[in-house]
Amino acid sequence: MTDRRLAEDALAHQAVHDPLTDLANRVLLLDRVAHALEQLERVPTIVSVLFLDLDRFKVVNDSLGHAAGDALPQGGRQQAVGDGAPRRHHRAPGR
């Protein structure tokens, strides 16, 4: 890939992802939800959306500083999606 193409790809990614968590921003989220709902008309399946609201988040920034405030959503993202690889769910033996 050329440097120009890499820069274009990076800008396209930045346009639809949160810079702190790298999660989809509102624009990409709405596009993906609309696409999933369109697919539901063709192929019945299950669609889900996870919405997290951090109540009183300003208190974290004000009392612990912005570094801690930045770490909180980053940690939540890591817990929610990990490295982005599909997760395998294992049952406990005997269940």
C-alpha atoms as a PDB file:
ATOM      1  CA  MET A   1       0.000   0.000   0.000  1.00  0.00           C
ATOM      2  CA  THR A   2       1.133   3.503  -0.682  1.00  0.00           C
ATOM      3  CA  ASP A   3       1.560   6.086   2.049  1.00  0.00           C
ATOM      4  CA  ARG A   4      -1.325   8.034   0.552  1.00  0.00           C
ATOM      5  CA  ARG A   5      -3.642   5.014   0.681  1.00  0.00           C
ATOM      6  CA  LEU A   6      -2.649   4.282   4.286  1.00  0.00           C
ATOM      7  CA  ALA A   7      -3.376   7.902   5.236  1.00  0.00           C
ATOM      8  CA  GLU A   8      -6.766   7.775   3.472  1.00  0.00           C
ATOM      9  CA  ASP A   9      -7.667   4.539   5.262  1.00  0.00           C
ATOM     10  CA  ALA A  10      -6.636   6.036   8.612  1.00  0.00           C
ATOM     11  CA  LEU A  11      -8.770   9.125   8.009  1.00  0.00           C
ATOM     12  CA  ALA A  12     -11.761   7.015   6.965  1.00  0.00           C
ATOM     13  CA  HIS A  13     -11.385   4.972  10.176  1.00  0.00           C
ATOM     14  CA  GLN A  14     -11.085   8.093  12.330  1.00  0.00           C
ATOM     15  CA  ALA A  15     -14.259   9.516  10.791  1.00  0.00           C
ATOM     16  CA  VAL A  16     -16.404   6.699  12.199  1.00  0.00           C
ATOM     17  CA  HIS A  17     -14.600   5.603  15.386  1.00  0.00           C
ATOM     18  CA  ASP A  18     -14.145   7.174  18.812  1.00  0.00           C
ATOM     19  CA  PRO A  19     -10.497   8.232  19.201  1.00  0.00           C
ATOM     20  CA  LEU A  20     -10.299   7.081  22.835  1.00  0.00           C
ATOM     21  CA  THR A  21     -11.952   3.653  22.717  1.00  0.00           C
ATOM     22  CA  ASP A  22     -11.807   2.936  18.968  1.00  0.00           C
ATOM     23  CA  LEU A  23     -15.454   1.879  19.176  1.00  0.00           C
ATOM     24  CA  ALA A  24     -17.931   2.863  16.477  1.00  0.00           C
ATOM     25  CA  ASN A  25     -19.184   6.422  16.807  1.00  0.00           C
ATOM     26  CA  ARG A  26     -22.814   7.457  16.347  1.00  0.00           C
ATOM     27  CA  VAL A  27     -22.504   7.699  12.538  1.00  0.00           C
ATOM     28  CA  LEU A  28     -21.157   4.160  12.160  1.00  0.00           C
ATOM     29  CA  LEU A  29     -23.493   2.784  14.820  1.00  0.00           C
ATOM     30  CA  LEU A  30     -26.594   4.125  13.061  1.00  0.00           C
ATOM     31  CA  ASP A  31     -25.336   2.799   9.718  1.00  0.00           C
ATOM     32  CA  ARG A  32     -24.667  -0.675  11.152  1.00  0.00           C
ATOM     33  CA  VAL A  33     -28.029  -0.827  12.948  1.00  0.00           C
ATOM     34  CA  ALA A  34     -29.855   0.219   9.765  1.00  0.00           C
ATOM     35  CA  HIS A  35     -27.969  -2.430   7.804  1.00  0.00           C
ATOM     36  CA  ALA A  36     -28.755  -5.119  10.404  1.00  0.00           C
ATOM     37  CA  LEU A  37     -32.447  -4.195  10.346  1.00  0.00           C
ATOM     38  CA  GLU A  38     -32.481  -4.401   6.538  1.00  0.00           C
ATOM     39  CA  GLN A  39     -30.929  -7.865   6.724  1.00  0.00           C
ATOM     40  CA  LEU A  40     -33.604  -8.937   9.216  1.00  0.00           C
ATOM     41  CA  GLU A  41     -36.168  -8.545   6.452  1.00  0.00           C
ATOM     42  CA  ARG A  42     -34.281 -11.100   4.333  1.00  0.00           C
ATOM     43  CA  VAL A  43     -32.856 -13.449   6.944  1.00  0.00           C
ATOM     44  CA  PRO A  44     -34.565 -13.759  10.339  1.00  0.00           C
ATOM     45  CA  THR A  45     -31.924 -13.630  13.055  1.00  0.00           C
ATOM     46  CA  ILE A  46     -31.204 -11.842  16.319  1.00  0.00           C
ATOM     47  CA  VAL A  47     -29.870  -8.302  16.500  1.00  0.00           C
ATOM     48  CA  SER A  48     -28.662  -6.724  19.711  1.00  0.00           C
ATOM     49  CA  VAL A  49     -27.148  -3.399  20.704  1.00  0.00           C
ATOM     50  CA  LEU A  50     -25.234  -2.746  23.903  1.00  0.00           C
ATOM     51  CA  PHE A  51     -25.610   0.763  25.288  1.00  0.00           C
ATOM     52  CA  LEU A  52     -23.628   1.800  28.350  1.00  0.00           C
ATOM     53  CA  ASP A  53     -24.203   5.070  30.130  1.00  0.00           C
ATOM     54  CA  LEU A  54     -21.683   6.107  32.740  1.00  0.00           C
ATOM     55  CA  ASP A  55     -23.613   8.083  35.345  1.00  0.00           C
ATOM     56  CA  ARG A  56     -21.754  10.936  37.013  1.00  0.00           C
ATOM     57  CA  PHE A  57     -18.700  10.383  34.817  1.00  0.00           C
ATOM     58  CA  LYS A  58     -17.677  13.998  35.395  1.00  0.00           C
ATOM     59  CA  VAL A  59     -17.029  13.098  39.034  1.00  0.00           C
ATOM     60  CA  VAL A  60     -14.342  10.626  37.946  1.00  0.00           C
ATOM     61  CA  ASN A  61     -12.599  13.264  35.821  1.00  0.00           C
ATOM     62  CA  ASP A  62     -12.888  15.931  38.509  1.00  0.00           C
ATOM     63  CA  SER A  63     -11.764  13.790  41.443  1.00  0.00           C
ATOM     64  CA  LEU A  64      -9.262  11.374  39.869  1.00  0.00           C
ATOM     65  CA  GLY A  65      -8.096  13.357  36.845  1.00  0.00           C
ATOM     66  CA  HIS A  66      -8.507  12.984  33.118  1.00  0.00           C
ATOM     67  CA  ALA A  67      -6.068  10.071  32.871  1.00  0.00           C
ATOM     68  CA  ALA A  68      -8.353   8.003  35.099  1.00  0.00           C
ATOM     69  CA  GLY A  69     -11.367   9.333  33.220  1.00  0.00           C
ATOM     70  CA  ASP A  70      -9.810   8.151  29.951  1.00  0.00           C
ATOM     71  CA  ALA A  71      -8.865   4.759  31.392  1.00  0.00           C
ATOM     72  CA  LEU A  72     -12.430   3.976  32.494  1.00  0.00           C
ATOM     73  CA  PRO A  73     -14.051   3.754  29.023  1.00  0.00           C
ATOM     74  CA  GLN A  74     -10.904   2.137  27.606  1.00  0.00           C
ATOM     75  CA  GLY A  75     -11.154  -0.599  30.243  1.00  0.00           C
ATOM     76  CA  GLY A  76     -14.856  -0.990  29.588  1.00  0.00           C
ATOM     77  CA  ARG A  77     -14.179  -1.390  25.881  1.00  0.00           C
ATOM     78  CA  GLN A  78     -11.528  -4.020  26.599  1.00  0.00           C
ATOM     79  CA  GLN A  79     -13.938  -5.940  28.830  1.00  0.00           C
ATOM     80  CA  ALA A  80     -16.753  -5.710  26.279  1.00  0.00           C
ATOM     81  CA  VAL A  81     -14.941  -6.603  23.065  1.00  0.00           C
ATOM     82  CA  GLY A  82     -11.405  -7.606  24.015  1.00  0.00           C
ATOM     83  CA  ASP A  83      -9.093  -7.565  21.034  1.00  0.00           C
ATOM     84  CA  GLY A  84     -11.946  -7.861  18.552  1.00  0.00           C
ATOM     85  CA  ALA A  85     -11.423 -11.574  17.950  1.00  0.00           C
ATOM     86  CA  PRO A  86     -14.493 -13.809  18.184  1.00  0.00           C
ATOM     87  CA  ARG A  87     -14.974 -15.182  21.663  1.00  0.00           C
ATOM     88  CA  ARG A  88     -15.603 -18.810  22.368  1.00  0.00           C
ATOM     89  CA  HIS A  89     -17.905 -19.537  25.241  1.00  0.00           C
ATOM     90  CA  HIS A  90     -17.141 -22.711  27.144  1.00  0.00           C
ATOM     91  CA  ARG A  91     -19.442 -24.511  29.511  1.00  0.00           C
ATOM     92  CA  ALA A  92     -18.151 -25.804  32.774  1.00  0.00           C
ATOM     93  CA  PRO A  93     -17.497 -29.574  32.773  1.00  0.00           C
ATOM     94  CA  GLY A  94     -20.560 -31.604  33.668  1.00  0.00           C
ATOM     95  CA  ARG A  95     -23.051 -28.989  32.521  1.00  0.00           C
END
